[in-house]
């Protein structure tokens, strides 16, 4: 039996409420992207508006700790 030169990688996860379809505006897609300059993440959401395109945020691994910290800081400041 010969060994395969192929691997399987998970490169996208979708976060969405139960019972929502993956094209829902409530669905967030997190994707590994590589445009030949190294891998980074894109976080994308569909728009609920027909005239609005999907929204994308691109993050490198180096940026994540600072961005995560800022998000957690502001979440703690949110009023209930």
PDB file of N, CA and C in Angstrom:
ATOM      1  N   UNK A   1       0.840  -1.181   0.000  1.00  0.00           N
ATOM      2  CA  UNK A   1       0.000   0.000   0.000  1.00  0.00           C
ATOM      3  C   UNK A   1       0.890   1.251   0.000  1.00  0.00           C
ATOM      4  N   UNK A   2       0.674   2.158  -0.942  1.00  0.00           N
ATOM      5  CA  UNK A   2       1.515   3.354  -1.028  1.00  0.00           C
ATOM      6  C   UNK A   2       0.969   4.464  -0.136  1.00  0.00           C
ATOM      7  N   UNK A   3       1.894   5.265   0.343  1.00  0.00           N
ATOM      8  CA  UNK A   3       1.514   6.387   1.204  1.00  0.00           C
ATOM      9  C   UNK A   3       1.063   7.571   0.345  1.00  0.00           C
ATOM     10  N   UNK A   4      -0.028   8.202   0.705  1.00  0.00           N
ATOM     11  CA  UNK A   4      -0.572   9.340  -0.029  1.00  0.00           C
ATOM     12  C   UNK A   4       0.223  10.602   0.275  1.00  0.00           C
ATOM     13  N   UNK A   5       0.347  11.461  -0.718  1.00  0.00           N
ATOM     14  CA  UNK A   5       1.001  12.753  -0.547  1.00  0.00           C
ATOM     15  C   UNK A   5       0.009  13.856  -0.229  1.00  0.00           C
ATOM     16  N   UNK A   6      -1.212  13.474   0.124  1.00  0.00           N
ATOM     17  CA  UNK A   6      -2.257  14.439   0.410  1.00  0.00           C
ATOM     18  C   UNK A   6      -2.581  14.456   1.890  1.00  0.00           C
ATOM     19  N   UNK A   7      -2.969  15.635   2.370  1.00  0.00           N
ATOM     20  CA  UNK A   7      -3.429  15.784   3.750  1.00  0.00           C
ATOM     21  C   UNK A   7      -4.813  16.423   3.722  1.00  0.00           C
ATOM     22  N   UNK A   8      -5.510  16.323   4.818  1.00  0.00           N
ATOM     23  CA  UNK A   8      -6.786  17.009   4.971  1.00  0.00           C
ATOM     24  C   UNK A   8      -6.600  18.086   6.018  1.00  0.00           C
ATOM     25  N   UNK A   9      -6.987  19.317   5.685  1.00  0.00           N
ATOM     26  CA  UNK A   9      -6.892  20.440   6.620  1.00  0.00           C
ATOM     27  C   UNK A   9      -8.257  21.069   6.791  1.00  0.00           C
ATOM     28  N   UNK A  10      -8.563  21.431   8.004  1.00  0.00           N
ATOM     29  CA  UNK A  10      -9.753  22.244   8.268  1.00  0.00           C
ATOM     30  C   UNK A  10      -9.304  23.685   8.128  1.00  0.00           C
ATOM     31  N   UNK A  11      -9.925  24.421   7.210  1.00  0.00           N
ATOM     32  CA  UNK A  11      -9.527  25.807   6.952  1.00  0.00           C
ATOM     33  C   UNK A  11     -10.655  26.801   7.151  1.00  0.00           C
ATOM     34  N   UNK A  12     -11.842  26.298   7.558  1.00  0.00           N
ATOM     35  CA  UNK A  12     -12.954  27.216   7.812  1.00  0.00           C
ATOM     36  C   UNK A  12     -13.879  26.620   8.860  1.00  0.00           C
ATOM     37  N   UNK A  13     -14.267  27.471   9.796  1.00  0.00           N
ATOM     38  CA  UNK A  13     -15.282  27.122  10.785  1.00  0.00           C
ATOM     39  C   UNK A  13     -16.399  28.153  10.679  1.00  0.00           C
ATOM     40  N   UNK A  14     -17.607  27.704  10.914  1.00  0.00           N
ATOM     41  CA  UNK A  14     -18.766  28.604  10.882  1.00  0.00           C
ATOM     42  C   UNK A  14     -19.431  28.570  12.245  1.00  0.00           C
ATOM     43  N   UNK A  15     -19.687  29.755  12.782  1.00  0.00           N
ATOM     44  CA  UNK A  15     -20.330  29.898  14.086  1.00  0.00           C
ATOM     45  C   UNK A  15     -21.697  30.523  13.834  1.00  0.00           C
ATOM     46  N   UNK A  16     -22.758  29.824  14.247  1.00  0.00           N
ATOM     47  CA  UNK A  16     -24.105  30.314  13.976  1.00  0.00           C
ATOM     48  C   UNK A  16     -25.084  29.716  14.964  1.00  0.00           C
ATOM     49  N   UNK A  17     -26.204  30.381  15.154  1.00  0.00           N
ATOM     50  CA  UNK A  17     -27.230  29.824  16.038  1.00  0.00           C
ATOM     51  C   UNK A  17     -27.748  28.499  15.472  1.00  0.00           C
ATOM     52  N   UNK A  18     -28.132  27.613  16.375  1.00  0.00           N
ATOM     53  CA  UNK A  18     -28.757  26.366  15.952  1.00  0.00           C
ATOM     54  C   UNK A  18     -29.928  26.679  15.038  1.00  0.00           C
ATOM     55  N   UNK A  19     -30.167  25.871  14.076  1.00  0.00           N
ATOM     56  CA  UNK A  19     -31.297  25.971  13.143  1.00  0.00           C
ATOM     57  C   UNK A  19     -31.174  27.108  12.129  1.00  0.00           C
ATOM     58  N   UNK A  20     -30.073  27.857  12.153  1.00  0.00           N
ATOM     59  CA  UNK A  20     -29.847  28.884  11.125  1.00  0.00           C
ATOM     60  C   UNK A  20     -29.022  28.263  10.006  1.00  0.00           C
ATOM     61  N   UNK A  21     -29.271  28.648   8.740  1.00  0.00           N
ATOM     62  CA  UNK A  21     -28.449  28.139   7.641  1.00  0.00           C
ATOM     63  C   UNK A  21     -27.100  28.853   7.586  1.00  0.00           C
ATOM     64  N   UNK A  22     -26.131  28.261   6.911  1.00  0.00           N
ATOM     65  CA  UNK A  22     -24.802  28.874   6.863  1.00  0.00           C
ATOM     66  C   UNK A  22     -24.761  30.161   6.046  1.00  0.00           C
ATOM     67  N   UNK A  23     -25.796  30.458   5.268  1.00  0.00           N
ATOM     68  CA  UNK A  23     -25.838  31.728   4.544  1.00  0.00           C
ATOM     69  C   UNK A  23     -26.548  32.818   5.346  1.00  0.00           C
ATOM     70  N   UNK A  24     -26.944  32.508   6.578  1.00  0.00           N
ATOM     71  CA  UNK A  24     -27.651  33.464   7.431  1.00  0.00           C
ATOM     72  C   UNK A  24     -26.751  34.647   7.783  1.00  0.00           C
ATOM     73  N   UNK A  25     -27.371  35.822   7.945  1.00  0.00           N
ATOM     74  CA  UNK A  25     -26.612  36.999   8.398  1.00  0.00           C
ATOM     75  C   UNK A  25     -26.123  36.823   9.834  1.00  0.00           C
ATOM     76  N   UNK A  26     -26.637  35.841  10.544  1.00  0.00           N
ATOM     77  CA  UNK A  26     -26.206  35.555  11.915  1.00  0.00           C
ATOM     78  C   UNK A  26     -25.022  34.590  11.954  1.00  0.00           C
ATOM     79  N   UNK A  27     -24.590  34.121  10.798  1.00  0.00           N
ATOM     80  CA  UNK A  27     -23.485  33.170  10.713  1.00  0.00           C
ATOM     81  C   UNK A  27     -22.163  33.924  10.543  1.00  0.00           C
ATOM     82  N   UNK A  28     -21.174  33.552  11.328  1.00  0.00           N
ATOM     83  CA  UNK A  28     -19.829  34.112  11.226  1.00  0.00           C
ATOM     84  C   UNK A  28     -18.901  33.017  10.731  1.00  0.00           C
ATOM     85  N   UNK A  29     -18.165  33.303   9.657  1.00  0.00           N
ATOM     86  CA  UNK A  29     -17.209  32.348   9.094  1.00  0.00           C
ATOM     87  C   UNK A  29     -15.797  32.780   9.473  1.00  0.00           C
ATOM     88  N   UNK A  30     -15.006  31.861  10.004  1.00  0.00           N
ATOM     89  CA  UNK A  30     -13.607  32.114  10.323  1.00  0.00           C
ATOM     90  C   UNK A  30     -12.794  31.217   9.399  1.00  0.00           C
ATOM     91  N   UNK A  31     -11.964  31.827   8.555  1.00  0.00           N
ATOM     92  CA  UNK A  31     -11.269  31.106   7.490  1.00  0.00           C
ATOM     93  C   UNK A  31      -9.773  31.385   7.536  1.00  0.00           C
ATOM     94  N   UNK A  32      -8.959  30.330   7.330  1.00  0.00           N
ATOM     95  CA  UNK A  32      -7.522  30.510   7.141  1.00  0.00           C
ATOM     96  C   UNK A  32      -7.317  30.887   5.673  1.00  0.00           C
ATOM     97  N   UNK A  33      -6.604  31.989   5.448  1.00  0.00           N
ATOM     98  CA  UNK A  33      -6.354  32.489   4.098  1.00  0.00           C
ATOM     99  C   UNK A  33      -4.846  32.613   3.914  1.00  0.00           C
ATOM    100  N   UNK A  34      -4.380  32.352   2.707  1.00  0.00           N
ATOM    101  CA  UNK A  34      -2.964  32.546   2.389  1.00  0.00           C
ATOM    102  C   UNK A  34      -2.870  33.076   0.968  1.00  0.00           C
ATOM    103  N   UNK A  35      -2.387  34.291   0.833  1.00  0.00           N
ATOM    104  CA  UNK A  35      -2.210  34.900  -0.483  1.00  0.00           C
ATOM    105  C   UNK A  35      -0.722  35.018  -0.802  1.00  0.00           C
ATOM    106  N   UNK A  36       0.033  33.973  -0.425  1.00  0.00           N
ATOM    107  CA  UNK A  36       1.471  33.829  -0.695  1.00  0.00           C
ATOM    108  C   UNK A  36       2.370  34.684   0.207  1.00  0.00           C
ATOM    109  N   UNK A  37       1.814  35.326   1.214  1.00  0.00           N
ATOM    110  CA  UNK A  37       2.628  36.117   2.139  1.00  0.00           C
ATOM    111  C   UNK A  37       2.507  35.571   3.553  1.00  0.00           C
ATOM    112  N   UNK A  38       1.998  34.371   3.719  1.00  0.00           N
ATOM    113  CA  UNK A  38       1.782  33.779   5.033  1.00  0.00           C
ATOM    114  C   UNK A  38       0.307  33.714   5.362  1.00  0.00           C
ATOM    115  N   UNK A  39      -0.030  32.762   6.188  1.00  0.00           N
ATOM    116  CA  UNK A  39      -1.435  32.549   6.549  1.00  0.00           C
ATOM    117  C   UNK A  39      -1.928  33.580   7.556  1.00  0.00           C
ATOM    118  N   UNK A  40      -3.190  33.910   7.433  1.00  0.00           N
ATOM    119  CA  UNK A  40      -3.864  34.793   8.384  1.00  0.00           C
ATOM    120  C   UNK A  40      -5.332  34.394   8.403  1.00  0.00           C
ATOM    121  N   UNK A  41      -6.092  34.948   9.329  1.00  0.00           N
ATOM    122  CA  UNK A  41      -7.511  34.635   9.440  1.00  0.00           C
ATOM    123  C   UNK A  41      -8.362  35.749   8.853  1.00  0.00           C
ATOM    124  N   UNK A  42      -9.471  35.359   8.266  1.00  0.00           N
ATOM    125  CA  UNK A  42     -10.511  36.305   7.887  1.00  0.00           C
ATOM    126  C   UNK A  42     -11.770  35.911   8.629  1.00  0.00           C
ATOM    127  N   UNK A  43     -12.419  36.900   9.223  1.00  0.00           N
ATOM    128  CA  UNK A  43     -13.690  36.712   9.916  1.00  0.00           C
ATOM    129  C   UNK A  43     -14.724  37.444   9.076  1.00  0.00           C
ATOM    130  N   UNK A  44     -15.744  36.709   8.620  1.00  0.00           N
ATOM    131  CA  UNK A  44     -16.699  37.253   7.661  1.00  0.00           C
ATOM    132  C   UNK A  44     -18.123  37.019   8.128  1.00  0.00           C
ATOM    133  N   UNK A  45     -18.981  38.008   7.907  1.00  0.00           N
ATOM    134  CA  UNK A  45     -20.421  37.875   8.138  1.00  0.00           C
ATOM    135  C   UNK A  45     -21.154  38.398   6.920  1.00  0.00           C
ATOM    136  N   UNK A  46     -22.251  37.737   6.581  1.00  0.00           N
ATOM    137  CA  UNK A  46     -23.127  38.215   5.518  1.00  0.00           C
ATOM    138  C   UNK A  46     -23.856  39.459   6.013  1.00  0.00           C
ATOM    139  N   UNK A  47     -24.271  40.269   5.092  1.00  0.00           N
ATOM    140  CA  UNK A  47     -25.062  41.434   5.457  1.00  0.00           C
ATOM    141  C   UNK A  47     -26.541  41.084   5.355  1.00  0.00           C
ATOM    142  N   UNK A  48     -27.346  41.668   6.207  1.00  0.00           N
ATOM    143  CA  UNK A  48     -28.782  41.467   6.128  1.00  0.00           C
ATOM    144  C   UNK A  48     -29.431  42.393   5.114  1.00  0.00           C
ATOM    145  N   UNK A  49     -28.642  43.287   4.545  1.00  0.00           N
ATOM    146  CA  UNK A  49     -29.132  44.292   3.609  1.00  0.00           C
ATOM    147  C   UNK A  49     -28.732  43.914   2.184  1.00  0.00           C
ATOM    148  N   UNK A  50     -29.654  43.940   1.231  1.00  0.00           N
ATOM    149  CA  UNK A  50     -29.297  43.570  -0.140  1.00  0.00           C
ATOM    150  C   UNK A  50     -28.237  44.473  -0.775  1.00  0.00           C
ATOM    151  N   UNK A  51     -28.178  45.766  -0.404  1.00  0.00           N
ATOM    152  CA  UNK A  51     -27.200  46.689  -1.011  1.00  0.00           C
ATOM    153  C   UNK A  51     -25.840  46.648  -0.315  1.00  0.00           C
ATOM    154  N   UNK A  52     -25.722  45.909   0.778  1.00  0.00           N
ATOM    155  CA  UNK A  52     -24.481  45.874   1.543  1.00  0.00           C
ATOM    156  C   UNK A  52     -23.734  44.580   1.283  1.00  0.00           C
ATOM    157  N   UNK A  53     -22.426  44.679   1.028  1.00  0.00           N
ATOM    158  CA  UNK A  53     -21.646  43.468   0.802  1.00  0.00           C
ATOM    159  C   UNK A  53     -21.272  42.844   2.145  1.00  0.00           C
ATOM    160  N   UNK A  54     -20.750  41.612   2.095  1.00  0.00           N
ATOM    161  CA  UNK A  54     -20.359  40.957   3.345  1.00  0.00           C
ATOM    162  C   UNK A  54     -19.228  41.740   4.000  1.00  0.00           C
ATOM    163  N   UNK A  55     -19.127  41.625   5.290  1.00  0.00           N
ATOM    164  CA  UNK A  55     -18.137  42.349   6.082  1.00  0.00           C
ATOM    165  C   UNK A  55     -17.000  41.399   6.445  1.00  0.00           C
ATOM    166  N   UNK A  56     -15.747  41.855   6.284  1.00  0.00           N
ATOM    167  CA  UNK A  56     -14.594  41.004   6.548  1.00  0.00           C
ATOM    168  C   UNK A  56     -13.577  41.735   7.404  1.00  0.00           C
ATOM    169  N   UNK A  57     -13.012  41.000   8.372  1.00  0.00           N
ATOM    170  CA  UNK A  57     -11.898  41.465   9.193  1.00  0.00           C
ATOM    171  C   UNK A  57     -10.762  40.481   8.963  1.00  0.00           C
ATOM    172  N   UNK A  58      -9.559  40.975   8.696  1.00  0.00           N
ATOM    173  CA  UNK A  58      -8.385  40.114   8.518  1.00  0.00           C
ATOM    174  C   UNK A  58      -7.464  40.272   9.717  1.00  0.00           C
ATOM    175  N   UNK A  59      -6.982  39.151  10.269  1.00  0.00           N
ATOM    176  CA  UNK A  59      -6.138  39.166  11.466  1.00  0.00           C
ATOM    177  C   UNK A  59      -4.952  38.234  11.307  1.00  0.00           C
ATOM    178  N   UNK A  60      -3.785  38.702  11.700  1.00  0.00           N
ATOM    179  CA  UNK A  60      -2.617  37.816  11.760  1.00  0.00           C
ATOM    180  C   UNK A  60      -2.516  37.237  13.166  1.00  0.00           C
ATOM    181  N   UNK A  61      -1.769  36.186  13.306  1.00  0.00           N
ATOM    182  CA  UNK A  61      -1.576  35.564  14.623  1.00  0.00           C
ATOM    183  C   UNK A  61      -0.937  36.544  15.607  1.00  0.00           C
ATOM    184  N   UNK A  62      -0.059  37.424  15.117  1.00  0.00           N
ATOM    185  CA  UNK A  62       0.596  38.412  15.980  1.00  0.00           C
ATOM    186  C   UNK A  62      -0.377  39.442  16.537  1.00  0.00           C
ATOM    187  N   UNK A  63      -1.398  39.779  15.770  1.00  0.00           N
ATOM    188  CA  UNK A  63      -2.377  40.785  16.194  1.00  0.00           C
ATOM    189  C   UNK A  63      -3.366  40.250  17.218  1.00  0.00           C
ATOM    190  N   UNK A  64      -3.650  38.949  17.165  1.00  0.00           N
ATOM    191  CA  UNK A  64      -4.743  38.374  17.937  1.00  0.00           C
ATOM    192  C   UNK A  64      -4.693  38.671  19.422  1.00  0.00           C
ATOM    193  N   UNK A  65      -3.560  38.501  20.137  1.00  0.00           N
ATOM    194  CA  UNK A  65      -3.589  38.761  21.592  1.00  0.00           C
ATOM    195  C   UNK A  65      -4.049  40.186  21.942  1.00  0.00           C
ATOM    196  N   UNK A  66      -3.576  41.179  21.207  1.00  0.00           N
ATOM    197  CA  UNK A  66      -3.964  42.566  21.500  1.00  0.00           C
ATOM    198  C   UNK A  66      -5.433  42.810  21.165  1.00  0.00           C
ATOM    199  N   UNK A  67      -5.882  42.276  20.040  1.00  0.00           N
ATOM    200  CA  UNK A  67      -7.286  42.456  19.650  1.00  0.00           C
ATOM    201  C   UNK A  67      -8.205  41.727  20.614  1.00  0.00           C
ATOM    202  N   UNK A  68      -7.839  40.510  20.976  1.00  0.00           N
ATOM    203  CA  UNK A  68      -8.635  39.736  21.934  1.00  0.00           C
ATOM    204  C   UNK A  68      -8.721  40.479  23.273  1.00  0.00           C
ATOM    205  N   UNK A  69      -7.595  41.014  23.735  1.00  0.00           N
ATOM    206  CA  UNK A  69      -7.593  41.770  24.986  1.00  0.00           C
ATOM    207  C   UNK A  69      -8.492  42.992  24.926  1.00  0.00           C
ATOM    208  N   UNK A  70      -8.457  43.715  23.801  1.00  0.00           N
ATOM    209  CA  UNK A  70      -9.306  44.902  23.643  1.00  0.00           C
ATOM    210  C   UNK A  70     -10.780  44.513  23.615  1.00  0.00           C
ATOM    211  N   UNK A  71     -11.096  43.420  22.930  1.00  0.00           N
ATOM    212  CA  UNK A  71     -12.491  42.954  22.883  1.00  0.00           C
ATOM    213  C   UNK A  71     -12.964  42.561  24.273  1.00  0.00           C
ATOM    214  N   UNK A  72     -12.144  41.820  25.009  1.00  0.00           N
ATOM    215  CA  UNK A  72     -12.535  41.404  26.359  1.00  0.00           C
ATOM    216  C   UNK A  72     -12.687  42.609  27.284  1.00  0.00           C
ATOM    217  N   UNK A  73     -11.818  43.611  27.130  1.00  0.00           N
ATOM    218  CA  UNK A  73     -11.914  44.824  27.944  1.00  0.00           C
ATOM    219  C   UNK A  73     -13.234  45.542  27.677  1.00  0.00           C
ATOM    220  N   UNK A  74     -13.587  45.706  26.419  1.00  0.00           N
ATOM    221  CA  UNK A  74     -14.831  46.405  26.094  1.00  0.00           C
ATOM    222  C   UNK A  74     -16.061  45.579  26.450  1.00  0.00           C
ATOM    223  N   UNK A  75     -15.977  44.268  26.302  1.00  0.00           N
ATOM    224  CA  UNK A  75     -17.111  43.420  26.730  1.00  0.00           C
ATOM    225  C   UNK A  75     -17.381  43.593  28.221  1.00  0.00           C
ATOM    226  N   UNK A  76     -16.319  43.716  29.001  1.00  0.00           N
ATOM    227  CA  UNK A  76     -16.473  43.921  30.445  1.00  0.00           C
ATOM    228  C   UNK A  76     -17.109  45.272  30.744  1.00  0.00           C
ATOM    229  N   UNK A  77     -16.950  46.243  29.853  1.00  0.00           N
ATOM    230  CA  UNK A  77     -17.524  47.578  30.033  1.00  0.00           C
ATOM    231  C   UNK A  77     -18.969  47.674  29.563  1.00  0.00           C
ATOM    232  N   UNK A  78     -19.433  46.692  28.805  1.00  0.00           N
ATOM    233  CA  UNK A  78     -20.804  46.725  28.292  1.00  0.00           C
ATOM    234  C   UNK A  78     -21.799  46.683  29.446  1.00  0.00           C
ATOM    235  N   UNK A  79     -22.795  47.518  29.365  1.00  0.00           N
ATOM    236  CA  UNK A  79     -23.844  47.502  30.384  1.00  0.00           C
ATOM    237  C   UNK A  79     -24.817  46.382  30.109  1.00  0.00           C
ATOM    238  N   UNK A  80     -25.259  45.748  31.161  1.00  0.00           N
ATOM    239  CA  UNK A  80     -26.183  44.615  31.007  1.00  0.00           C
ATOM    240  C   UNK A  80     -27.564  45.054  30.676  1.00  0.00           C
TER     241      UNK A  80
END
